[in-house]
């Protein structure tokens, strides 16, 4: 080394520093290249791994959805009937269930395949309680991500389960969304309530009525609450059913006006005769309620409402639409198959038959009677209608022949004098009269044909043994959800 402090020493030191700096730069550059290369490699590996994972998930999901589609086509909704489709194998698996739920919500897979996914995951849930909790938990957590249609289908399929755990889970699902003010969520609440009513008790009626008392509730939830309340009332023991009217009337205060008609229909299901007087007084004080009340009387579960309906039908101070509805409500009450006294029932019907002045009105009566079963009073009433139609048809037949003869003479006179205005007018008048008579006779002949068809049907329908207060609910799924 040169002596310290000399010029050469300083140059040498500077050269060494430059060499060290260059060496560090090379080392750093190499390290950076190694890190970049490593990062690129790791990224590529992760990307390929993720791609493989996604492709694997999609392949698995497609396979699962195809199995679910087979279940849907076979209309298999219950896990106990898996043997009906032997080529479908359902193995409950939480990872597969998660994939299927993502497909139902539209997060993964083809969005149009969700019905197959819904079928399969619901069957898995029916087979495995843990998956049932997983499915219901997803429906609670992601309630807003399910469309109304998807939520309805999922609840419908899950409700087919006979598992007590599923019943409790559906109750929990209902409770989790029952306080929402969002109408889209309320529509989903309505679907759950539709099936929950089969497991409800009479004590739950108060909670259902509170829904009807609220304002700005979705129409679906109102409809479901009505069906649920009606179901609970109809299923109540007869001794308790009549007494429910006082409980229902407590909710009249503050109830939205559009829901009052529902309240009246529920009161009708109680069959409490004291309510009839109250309702009649109500519409007399406020005629705007008349249509709603006479419509509700058509749901009465006994014949007690018929005299009140007759009074409304004959009350000329009421609007014609109300009186017409009263007439139709009489038919609705009397066309419910109950074990009635034949003579008393005929007396109830006689004013209706006497008032049926046209063939259209008589055909309307026949359409109501043919819903009844084979009872003596039904046969006698249809016989009276047929006799009236035959008598009218015979009278019209003789009048029609005379009208046709007069028409032929008027036509000949008009042809001989085509420029004669009087002859033309006479011909047109007689032609219209003949056509009117022909139409009247055809109407009576149609009544006779309808009666014969009704009698043929009724004679094949034995009188059922059923509770008088039981209402037919077209929306009920109780036949397929027996445990609910």
Protein backbone atom coordinates (compact mmCIF):
# COMPACT_ATOMS: atom_id res chain seq x y z
CA UNK A 1 0.00 0.00 0.00
CA UNK A 2 1.19 3.50 -0.80
CA UNK A 3 1.89 5.76 2.13
CA UNK A 4 -1.27 7.20 3.65
CA UNK A 5 -2.22 10.69 2.58
CA UNK A 6 -0.47 10.51 -0.82
CA UNK A 7 -2.18 11.23 -4.16
CA UNK A 8 -1.82 7.67 -5.32
CA UNK A 9 -3.38 6.44 -2.11
CA UNK A 10 -6.45 8.55 -2.61
CA UNK A 11 -6.88 7.35 -6.21
CA UNK A 12 -6.41 3.78 -5.10
CA UNK A 13 -9.05 4.19 -2.40
CA UNK A 14 -11.48 5.76 -4.86
CA UNK A 15 -10.91 2.91 -7.30
CA UNK A 16 -11.60 0.35 -4.60
CA UNK A 17 -14.82 2.15 -3.60
CA UNK A 18 -15.98 2.15 -7.21
CA UNK A 19 -15.26 -1.52 -7.50
CA UNK A 20 -17.20 -2.26 -4.33
CA UNK A 21 -20.12 -0.14 -5.49
CA UNK A 22 -20.20 -1.87 -8.86
CA UNK A 23 -20.03 -5.25 -7.19
CA UNK A 24 -22.93 -4.35 -4.88
CA UNK A 25 -24.97 -3.17 -7.88
CA UNK A 26 -24.32 -6.43 -9.69
CA UNK A 27 -25.24 -8.42 -6.60
CA UNK A 28 -28.41 -6.39 -6.05
CA UNK A 29 -29.35 -6.72 -9.72
CA UNK A 30 -28.86 -10.45 -9.66
CA UNK A 31 -30.91 -10.70 -6.47
CA UNK A 32 -33.63 -8.56 -7.98
CA UNK A 33 -33.70 -10.75 -11.10
CA UNK A 34 -33.87 -13.84 -8.92
CA UNK A 35 -36.73 -12.34 -6.88
CA UNK A 36 -38.62 -11.25 -10.00
CA UNK A 37 -38.13 -14.62 -11.58
CA UNK A 38 -39.24 -16.29 -8.39
CA UNK A 39 -42.26 -14.00 -8.11
CA UNK A 40 -43.22 -14.65 -11.71
CA UNK A 41 -42.83 -18.34 -11.10
CA UNK A 42 -44.91 -18.25 -7.95
CA UNK A 43 -47.58 -16.13 -9.65
CA UNK A 44 -47.69 -18.48 -12.61
CA UNK A 45 -47.92 -21.45 -10.27
CA UNK A 46 -50.68 -19.80 -8.25
CA UNK A 47 -52.53 -18.78 -11.42
CA UNK A 48 -52.33 -22.27 -12.81
CA UNK A 49 -53.34 -23.73 -9.47
CA UNK A 50 -56.28 -21.35 -9.25
CA UNK A 51 -57.21 -22.10 -12.84
CA UNK A 52 -57.06 -25.81 -12.12
CA UNK A 53 -59.16 -25.26 -8.98
CA UNK A 54 -61.79 -23.24 -10.87
CA UNK A 55 -61.89 -25.78 -13.69
CA UNK A 56 -62.18 -28.57 -11.14
CA UNK A 57 -65.00 -26.75 -9.31
CA UNK A 58 -66.83 -26.06 -12.58
CA UNK A 59 -66.51 -29.70 -13.64
CA UNK A 60 -67.79 -30.88 -10.26
CA UNK A 61 -70.59 -28.31 -10.28
CA UNK A 62 -71.69 -29.31 -13.79
CA UNK A 63 -71.76 -32.94 -12.71
CA UNK A 64 -73.82 -32.11 -9.63
CA UNK A 65 -76.23 -29.89 -11.52
CA UNK A 66 -76.87 -32.66 -14.06
CA UNK A 67 -77.81 -34.99 -11.21
CA UNK A 68 -80.09 -32.32 -9.78
CA UNK A 69 -81.70 -31.79 -13.18
CA UNK A 70 -82.59 -35.50 -13.29
CA UNK A 71 -84.28 -35.13 -9.92
CA UNK A 72 -86.24 -32.13 -11.21
CA UNK A 73 -87.39 -33.93 -14.36
CA UNK A 74 -88.50 -36.92 -12.31
CA UNK A 75 -90.45 -34.53 -10.02
CA UNK A 76 -88.60 -36.09 -7.11
CA UNK A 77 -88.83 -33.69 -4.18
CA UNK A 78 -88.47 -36.07 -1.23
CA UNK A 79 -85.22 -37.82 -0.25
CA UNK A 80 -87.20 -40.93 0.69
CA UNK A 81 -88.09 -41.53 -2.95
CA UNK A 82 -84.54 -41.63 -4.34
CA UNK A 83 -85.11 -45.21 -5.45
CA UNK A 84 -87.44 -43.93 -8.16
CA UNK A 85 -84.39 -42.63 -10.06
CA UNK A 86 -81.81 -45.41 -9.61
CA UNK A 87 -79.19 -43.75 -11.84
CA UNK A 88 -79.01 -40.71 -9.54
CA UNK A 89 -76.59 -40.95 -6.64
CA UNK A 90 -76.88 -38.31 -3.93
CA UNK A 91 -73.96 -38.17 -1.52
CA UNK A 92 -74.33 -35.39 1.06
CA UNK A 93 -71.17 -33.30 1.11
CA UNK A 94 -70.68 -29.85 2.60
CA UNK A 95 -68.26 -28.69 -0.12
CA UNK A 96 -70.64 -29.81 -2.86
CA UNK A 97 -73.51 -28.13 -1.01
CA UNK A 98 -71.53 -24.86 -0.92
CA UNK A 99 -70.95 -25.09 -4.70
CA UNK A 100 -74.64 -25.73 -5.32
CA UNK A 101 -75.70 -22.82 -3.12
CA UNK A 102 -73.29 -20.53 -4.98
CA UNK A 103 -74.90 -21.66 -8.23
CA UNK A 104 -78.39 -21.00 -6.91
CA UNK A 105 -77.38 -17.47 -5.95
CA UNK A 106 -75.67 -16.96 -9.32
CA UNK A 107 -72.11 -16.66 -7.97
CA UNK A 108 -70.69 -19.74 -9.73
CA UNK A 109 -71.53 -21.85 -12.74
CA UNK A 110 -74.16 -21.23 -15.39
CA UNK A 111 -76.91 -19.07 -13.94
CA UNK A 112 -79.69 -20.88 -15.81
CA UNK A 113 -78.80 -24.17 -14.11
CA UNK A 114 -79.95 -23.10 -10.65
CA UNK A 115 -83.17 -25.23 -10.54
CA UNK A 116 -81.08 -28.42 -10.78
CA UNK A 117 -78.75 -27.11 -8.09
CA UNK A 118 -81.73 -26.25 -5.87
CA UNK A 119 -83.19 -29.75 -6.24
CA UNK A 120 -79.96 -31.52 -5.38
CA UNK A 121 -78.92 -29.35 -2.44
CA UNK A 122 -82.43 -29.61 -0.95
CA UNK A 123 -82.27 -33.42 -1.15
CA UNK A 124 -78.85 -33.31 0.53
CA UNK A 125 -80.33 -31.12 3.26
CA UNK A 126 -83.16 -33.59 3.77
CA UNK A 127 -80.65 -36.42 4.14
CA UNK A 128 -78.12 -34.67 6.42
CA UNK A 129 -79.01 -32.31 9.27
CA UNK A 130 -75.60 -30.58 9.10
CA UNK A 131 -76.15 -29.70 5.47
CA UNK A 132 -79.66 -28.59 6.36
CA UNK A 133 -78.12 -26.12 8.82
CA UNK A 134 -75.62 -25.05 6.16
CA UNK A 135 -78.38 -24.42 3.59
CA UNK A 136 -80.69 -22.54 5.93
CA UNK A 137 -77.73 -20.55 7.27
CA UNK A 138 -76.89 -19.46 3.72
CA UNK A 139 -80.50 -18.44 3.11
CA UNK A 140 -80.45 -16.35 6.31
CA UNK A 141 -77.07 -14.73 5.63
CA UNK A 142 -77.63 -14.01 1.93
CA UNK A 143 -81.39 -13.43 1.92
CA UNK A 144 -81.08 -10.40 -0.36
CA UNK A 145 -79.00 -12.34 -2.91
CA UNK A 146 -81.82 -14.82 -3.53
CA UNK A 147 -84.51 -13.77 -5.99
CA UNK A 148 -88.12 -14.23 -4.93
CA UNK A 149 -88.46 -17.17 -7.32
CA UNK A 150 -85.33 -18.91 -6.03
CA UNK A 151 -86.26 -18.38 -2.38
CA UNK A 152 -89.73 -19.77 -3.00
CA UNK A 153 -88.39 -22.87 -4.71
CA UNK A 154 -85.77 -23.53 -2.02
CA UNK A 155 -88.31 -23.22 0.80
CA UNK A 156 -90.80 -25.39 -1.09
CA UNK A 157 -88.25 -28.16 -1.57
CA UNK A 158 -86.91 -28.00 1.97
CA UNK A 159 -90.41 -28.13 3.40
CA UNK A 160 -90.89 -31.60 1.90
CA UNK A 161 -88.52 -32.97 4.54
CA UNK A 162 -89.92 -35.15 7.30
CA UNK A 163 -87.01 -34.27 9.59
CA UNK A 164 -87.97 -32.50 12.85
CA UNK A 165 -84.67 -30.60 12.56
CA UNK A 166 -85.76 -29.12 9.24
CA UNK A 167 -89.02 -27.96 10.77
CA UNK A 168 -87.11 -26.15 13.53
CA UNK A 169 -84.67 -24.67 11.00
CA UNK A 170 -87.52 -23.28 8.92
CA UNK A 171 -88.98 -21.69 12.05
CA UNK A 172 -85.58 -20.15 12.72
CA UNK A 173 -85.39 -18.93 9.13
CA UNK A 174 -88.82 -17.32 9.45
CA UNK A 175 -87.89 -15.60 12.72
CA UNK A 176 -84.66 -14.25 11.20
CA UNK A 177 -86.50 -12.34 8.44
CA UNK A 178 -89.84 -11.62 10.11
CA UNK A 179 -89.00 -8.10 11.29
CA UNK A 180 -87.80 -6.72 7.97
CA UNK A 181 -89.43 -3.59 6.53
CA UNK A 182 -88.04 -4.36 3.08
CA UNK A 183 -90.90 -5.57 0.86
CA UNK A 184 -88.63 -7.86 -1.16
CA UNK A 185 -87.61 -9.60 2.07
CA UNK A 186 -91.26 -9.65 3.17
CA UNK A 187 -92.14 -11.51 -0.03
CA UNK A 188 -89.65 -14.18 1.03
CA UNK A 189 -91.09 -14.19 4.54
CA UNK A 190 -94.48 -14.87 2.93
CA UNK A 191 -93.12 -18.01 1.26
CA UNK A 192 -91.76 -19.40 4.53
CA UNK A 193 -95.00 -18.57 6.34
CA UNK A 194 -96.97 -20.40 3.67
CA UNK A 195 -95.37 -23.66 4.81
CA UNK A 196 -94.90 -22.80 8.46
CA UNK A 197 -98.65 -22.64 9.00
CA UNK A 198 -98.89 -26.42 8.96
CA UNK A 199 -96.73 -26.59 12.09
CA UNK A 200 -98.30 -23.62 13.86
CA UNK A 201 -100.72 -23.77 16.76
CA UNK A 202 -103.78 -21.70 17.57
CA UNK A 203 -101.68 -19.62 19.97
CA UNK A 204 -99.74 -18.34 16.94
CA UNK A 205 -102.86 -16.64 15.56
CA UNK A 206 -102.01 -13.39 17.39
CA UNK A 207 -98.63 -13.11 15.64
CA UNK A 208 -100.25 -13.65 12.26
CA UNK A 209 -102.96 -11.06 12.89
CA UNK A 210 -100.29 -8.51 13.83
CA UNK A 211 -98.98 -8.82 10.27
CA UNK A 212 -102.42 -7.88 8.92
CA UNK A 213 -102.56 -4.94 11.30
CA UNK A 214 -99.36 -3.40 9.93
CA UNK A 215 -99.27 -0.80 7.18
CA UNK A 216 -97.19 -0.89 4.01
CA UNK A 217 -96.75 -4.67 4.08
CA UNK A 218 -96.08 -6.51 0.82
CA UNK A 219 -99.17 -8.00 -0.83
CA UNK A 220 -97.59 -11.49 -0.81
CA UNK A 221 -97.10 -11.39 2.94
CA UNK A 222 -100.67 -10.16 3.50
CA UNK A 223 -102.00 -13.00 1.35
CA UNK A 224 -99.88 -15.59 3.15
CA UNK A 225 -100.93 -14.22 6.55
CA UNK A 226 -104.59 -14.49 5.54
CA UNK A 227 -104.21 -18.12 4.42
CA UNK A 228 -102.34 -18.94 7.60
CA UNK A 229 -104.97 -17.33 9.85
CA UNK A 230 -107.77 -19.07 7.97
CA UNK A 231 -105.97 -22.40 8.28
CA UNK A 232 -105.53 -21.98 12.04
CA UNK A 233 -109.18 -21.02 12.47
CA UNK A 234 -110.48 -23.91 10.37
CA UNK A 235 -108.26 -26.39 12.21
CA UNK A 236 -109.37 -25.15 15.63
CA UNK A 237 -111.78 -27.35 17.62
CA UNK A 238 -115.37 -26.32 16.97
CA UNK A 239 -115.88 -25.29 20.60
CA UNK A 240 -112.97 -22.81 20.35
CA UNK A 241 -113.59 -21.63 16.80
CA UNK A 242 -116.70 -19.58 17.52
CA UNK A 243 -114.98 -17.82 20.41
CA UNK A 244 -112.16 -16.62 18.15
CA UNK A 245 -114.35 -13.85 16.76
CA UNK A 246 -113.77 -11.62 19.80
CA UNK A 247 -110.00 -12.04 19.46
CA UNK A 248 -110.14 -11.15 15.75
CA UNK A 249 -112.23 -8.04 16.38
CA UNK A 250 -109.52 -6.69 18.68
CA UNK A 251 -107.32 -6.20 15.61
CA UNK A 252 -109.91 -4.13 13.77
CA UNK A 253 -108.69 -0.99 15.52
CA UNK A 254 -105.96 0.58 13.43
CA UNK A 255 -106.04 -2.09 10.74
CA UNK A 256 -105.43 -0.75 7.20
CA UNK A 257 -108.72 -0.35 5.34
CA UNK A 258 -107.64 -2.69 2.54
CA UNK A 259 -107.16 -5.50 5.10
CA UNK A 260 -110.63 -5.15 6.65
CA UNK A 261 -112.09 -7.38 3.94
CA UNK A 262 -109.64 -10.06 5.08
CA UNK A 263 -110.74 -9.58 8.68
CA UNK A 264 -114.39 -10.05 7.65
CA UNK A 265 -113.55 -13.23 5.77
CA UNK A 266 -111.75 -14.59 8.83
CA UNK A 267 -114.73 -13.71 11.02
CA UNK A 268 -116.85 -15.70 8.58
CA UNK A 269 -114.70 -18.76 9.21
CA UNK A 270 -115.47 -18.63 12.93
CA UNK A 271 -119.19 -19.12 12.25
CA UNK A 272 -120.10 -16.95 15.24
CA UNK A 273 -123.78 -15.99 14.68
CA UNK A 274 -123.40 -12.84 16.82
CA UNK A 275 -120.96 -11.45 14.24
CA UNK A 276 -123.66 -11.54 11.55
CA UNK A 277 -125.76 -8.91 13.32
CA UNK A 278 -122.69 -6.77 13.86
CA UNK A 279 -121.68 -6.97 10.20
CA UNK A 280 -125.19 -6.20 8.94
CA UNK A 281 -125.36 -3.15 11.21
CA UNK A 282 -121.91 -2.08 10.01
CA UNK A 283 -122.78 -1.96 6.32
CA UNK A 284 -126.11 -0.27 6.96
CA UNK A 285 -124.29 2.51 8.78
CA UNK A 286 -121.58 2.64 6.11
CA UNK A 287 -122.82 1.38 2.70
CA UNK A 288 -119.23 1.41 1.40
CA UNK A 289 -118.62 -1.73 3.46
CA UNK A 290 -121.60 -3.58 1.99
CA UNK A 291 -119.76 -5.21 -0.92
CA UNK A 292 -116.91 -6.40 1.30
CA UNK A 293 -119.30 -7.82 3.89
CA UNK A 294 -121.66 -9.67 1.54
CA UNK A 295 -118.59 -11.12 -0.16
CA UNK A 296 -117.26 -12.32 3.20
CA UNK A 297 -120.63 -13.89 4.02
CA UNK A 298 -120.04 -16.18 1.06
CA UNK A 299 -117.25 -17.79 3.14
CA UNK A 300 -119.55 -18.53 6.07
CA UNK A 301 -119.03 -22.04 7.33
CA UNK A 302 -122.70 -22.62 8.15
CA UNK A 303 -125.99 -21.71 6.46
CA UNK A 304 -126.64 -19.03 9.11
CA UNK A 305 -125.53 -16.27 6.72
CA UNK A 306 -128.13 -17.13 4.06
CA UNK A 307 -131.06 -15.13 5.56
CA UNK A 308 -128.79 -12.07 5.88
CA UNK A 309 -127.72 -12.49 2.27
CA UNK A 310 -131.33 -12.76 1.14
CA UNK A 311 -132.12 -9.48 2.85
CA UNK A 312 -129.18 -7.82 1.10
CA UNK A 313 -130.20 -9.37 -2.22
CA UNK A 314 -133.71 -7.94 -1.94
CA UNK A 315 -132.63 -4.55 -0.55
CA UNK A 316 -133.22 -2.14 -3.44
CA UNK A 317 -131.45 0.66 -1.56
CA UNK A 318 -128.14 -1.15 -2.09
CA UNK A 319 -126.04 -0.77 -5.22
CA UNK A 320 -126.82 -3.32 -7.95
CA UNK A 321 -123.29 -4.71 -7.72
CA UNK A 322 -123.75 -5.41 -4.00
CA UNK A 323 -127.08 -7.15 -4.61
CA UNK A 324 -125.56 -9.25 -7.38
CA UNK A 325 -122.70 -10.24 -5.08
CA UNK A 326 -125.21 -11.15 -2.37
CA UNK A 327 -126.86 -13.53 -4.83
CA UNK A 328 -123.53 -15.09 -5.75
CA UNK A 329 -122.57 -15.41 -2.07
CA UNK A 330 -125.81 -17.29 -1.38
CA UNK A 331 -124.77 -19.81 -4.01
CA UNK A 332 -121.28 -20.06 -2.54
CA UNK A 333 -122.67 -20.88 0.91
CA UNK A 334 -125.25 -23.34 -0.36
CA UNK A 335 -122.88 -25.04 -2.79
CA UNK A 336 -120.59 -26.17 0.05
CA UNK A 337 -121.18 -29.85 0.65
CA UNK A 338 -122.71 -30.08 4.11
CA UNK A 339 -125.03 -32.57 5.70
CA UNK A 340 -128.26 -30.56 5.43
CA UNK A 341 -131.95 -31.22 5.94
CA UNK A 342 -133.36 -31.78 2.44
CA UNK A 343 -136.66 -29.91 2.86
CA UNK A 344 -135.06 -26.96 4.66
CA UNK A 345 -132.38 -26.64 1.99
CA UNK A 346 -134.92 -26.73 -0.83
CA UNK A 347 -136.80 -23.89 0.86
CA UNK A 348 -133.55 -21.91 0.96
CA UNK A 349 -132.97 -22.46 -2.74
CA UNK A 350 -136.54 -21.86 -3.96
CA UNK A 351 -136.24 -18.04 -4.11
CA UNK A 352 -133.11 -18.39 -6.22
CA UNK A 353 -134.79 -20.71 -8.70
CA UNK A 354 -137.86 -18.46 -8.90
CA UNK A 355 -135.65 -15.45 -9.56
CA UNK A 356 -133.72 -17.21 -12.34
CA UNK A 357 -135.76 -15.73 -15.22
CA UNK A 358 -133.18 -16.32 -17.97
CA UNK A 359 -131.42 -19.40 -19.25
CA UNK A 360 -128.04 -17.84 -18.40
CA UNK A 361 -129.05 -17.46 -14.77
CA UNK A 362 -130.36 -21.04 -14.63
CA UNK A 363 -127.11 -22.33 -16.12
CA UNK A 364 -125.30 -20.40 -13.41
CA UNK A 365 -127.34 -22.23 -10.76
CA UNK A 366 -126.58 -25.58 -12.38
CA UNK A 367 -122.85 -24.82 -12.34
CA UNK A 368 -123.10 -24.22 -8.59
CA UNK A 369 -125.20 -27.31 -7.89
CA UNK A 370 -122.95 -29.69 -9.79
CA UNK A 371 -120.20 -29.07 -7.23
CA UNK A 372 -122.35 -30.83 -4.65
CA UNK A 373 -122.42 -34.55 -4.05
CA UNK A 374 -125.18 -37.08 -4.45
CA UNK A 375 -127.82 -35.84 -2.01
CA UNK A 376 -131.61 -35.94 -2.44
CA UNK A 377 -132.12 -32.17 -2.31
CA UNK A 378 -129.54 -31.66 -5.08
CA UNK A 379 -131.33 -34.09 -7.39
CA UNK A 380 -134.70 -32.45 -6.68
CA UNK A 381 -133.39 -28.91 -7.26
CA UNK A 382 -131.76 -29.85 -10.56
CA UNK A 383 -135.00 -31.60 -11.54
CA UNK A 384 -136.94 -28.36 -10.94
CA UNK A 385 -134.54 -26.37 -13.09
CA UNK A 386 -134.75 -28.92 -15.88
CA UNK A 387 -138.55 -28.95 -15.70
CA UNK A 388 -138.67 -25.14 -15.97
CA UNK A 389 -136.28 -25.22 -18.93
CA UNK A 390 -138.33 -27.92 -20.70
CA UNK A 391 -141.57 -25.99 -20.20
CA UNK A 392 -140.00 -22.82 -21.56
CA UNK A 393 -138.44 -24.71 -24.45
CA UNK A 394 -141.84 -26.17 -25.45
CA UNK A 395 -143.47 -22.72 -25.32
CA UNK A 396 -140.66 -21.20 -27.33
CA UNK A 397 -140.84 -24.02 -29.86
CA UNK A 398 -144.45 -23.24 -30.77
CA UNK A 399 -143.74 -19.50 -30.85
CA UNK A 400 -140.67 -20.07 -33.00
CA UNK A 401 -142.64 -22.09 -35.56
CA UNK A 402 -145.21 -19.28 -35.80
CA UNK A 403 -142.43 -16.70 -36.11
CA UNK A 404 -140.73 -18.68 -38.86
CA UNK A 405 -144.00 -18.93 -40.80
CA UNK A 406 -144.54 -15.18 -40.49
CA UNK A 407 -140.94 -14.63 -41.58
CA UNK A 408 -141.40 -16.72 -44.71
CA UNK A 409 -144.43 -14.65 -45.72
CA UNK A 410 -142.61 -11.36 -45.01
CA UNK A 411 -139.60 -12.56 -47.00
CA UNK A 412 -141.77 -13.51 -50.01
CA UNK A 413 -143.49 -10.12 -49.92
CA UNK A 414 -140.12 -8.32 -49.71
CA UNK A 415 -138.72 -10.29 -52.66
CA UNK A 416 -141.75 -9.40 -54.78
CA UNK A 417 -141.39 -5.72 -53.87
CA UNK A 418 -137.70 -5.06 -53.12
CA UNK A 419 -138.21 -1.30 -53.36
CA UNK A 420 -141.05 -1.30 -50.83
CA UNK A 421 -139.57 0.19 -47.62
CA UNK A 422 -142.44 -1.06 -45.47
CA UNK A 423 -142.01 -4.61 -46.77
CA UNK A 424 -138.27 -4.44 -46.06
CA UNK A 425 -138.81 -3.15 -42.53
CA UNK A 426 -141.41 -5.83 -41.82
CA UNK A 427 -139.06 -8.56 -43.08
CA UNK A 428 -136.15 -7.33 -40.94
CA UNK A 429 -138.33 -7.06 -37.84
CA UNK A 430 -139.70 -10.59 -38.26
CA UNK A 431 -136.20 -11.93 -38.97
CA UNK A 432 -134.87 -10.39 -35.73
CA UNK A 433 -137.83 -11.75 -33.76
CA UNK A 434 -137.28 -15.26 -35.13
CA UNK A 435 -133.56 -15.09 -34.32
CA UNK A 436 -134.27 -13.92 -30.78
CA UNK A 437 -136.69 -16.79 -30.20
CA UNK A 438 -134.21 -19.27 -31.68
CA UNK A 439 -131.50 -18.01 -29.31
CA UNK A 440 -133.85 -18.25 -26.32
CA UNK A 441 -134.77 -21.82 -27.21
CA UNK A 442 -131.11 -22.72 -27.69
CA UNK A 443 -130.42 -21.28 -24.24
CA UNK A 444 -133.10 -23.47 -22.65
CA UNK A 445 -131.81 -26.52 -24.51
CA UNK A 446 -128.35 -25.75 -23.11
CA UNK A 447 -129.82 -25.63 -19.59
CA UNK A 448 -131.36 -29.08 -20.11
CA UNK A 449 -128.05 -30.45 -21.41
CA UNK A 450 -126.17 -28.90 -18.45
CA UNK A 451 -128.59 -30.45 -15.96
CA UNK A 452 -128.18 -33.89 -17.51
CA UNK A 453 -124.39 -33.61 -17.35
CA UNK A 454 -124.56 -32.37 -13.76
CA UNK A 455 -126.83 -35.24 -12.71
CA UNK A 456 -124.49 -37.72 -14.36
CA UNK A 457 -121.54 -36.29 -12.47
CA UNK A 458 -123.35 -35.98 -9.13
CA UNK A 459 -124.63 -39.54 -9.18
CA UNK A 460 -121.01 -40.69 -9.42
CA UNK A 461 -119.96 -38.50 -6.47
CA UNK A 462 -120.73 -40.03 -3.07
CA UNK A 463 -121.59 -37.69 -0.22
CA UNK A 464 -118.35 -37.00 1.68
CA UNK A 465 -117.99 -37.09 5.42
CA UNK A 466 -116.25 -33.86 6.34
CA UNK A 467 -116.29 -31.21 9.00
CA UNK A 468 -118.66 -28.37 8.28
CA UNK A 469 -116.15 -25.68 9.12
CA UNK A 470 -113.36 -26.98 6.90
CA UNK A 471 -112.54 -24.70 3.98
CA UNK A 472 -110.89 -25.83 0.80
CA UNK A 473 -107.64 -23.99 0.31
CA UNK A 474 -106.41 -24.20 -3.28
CA UNK A 475 -102.95 -23.14 -2.15
CA UNK A 476 -102.58 -25.74 0.59
CA UNK A 477 -99.65 -28.13 0.28
CA UNK A 478 -100.72 -30.13 3.31
CA UNK A 479 -101.30 -33.23 1.17
CA UNK A 480 -97.59 -33.43 0.38
CA UNK A 481 -96.16 -31.91 3.54
CA UNK A 482 -97.94 -34.12 6.03
CA UNK A 483 -95.47 -33.59 8.83
CA UNK A 484 -95.70 -29.80 8.59
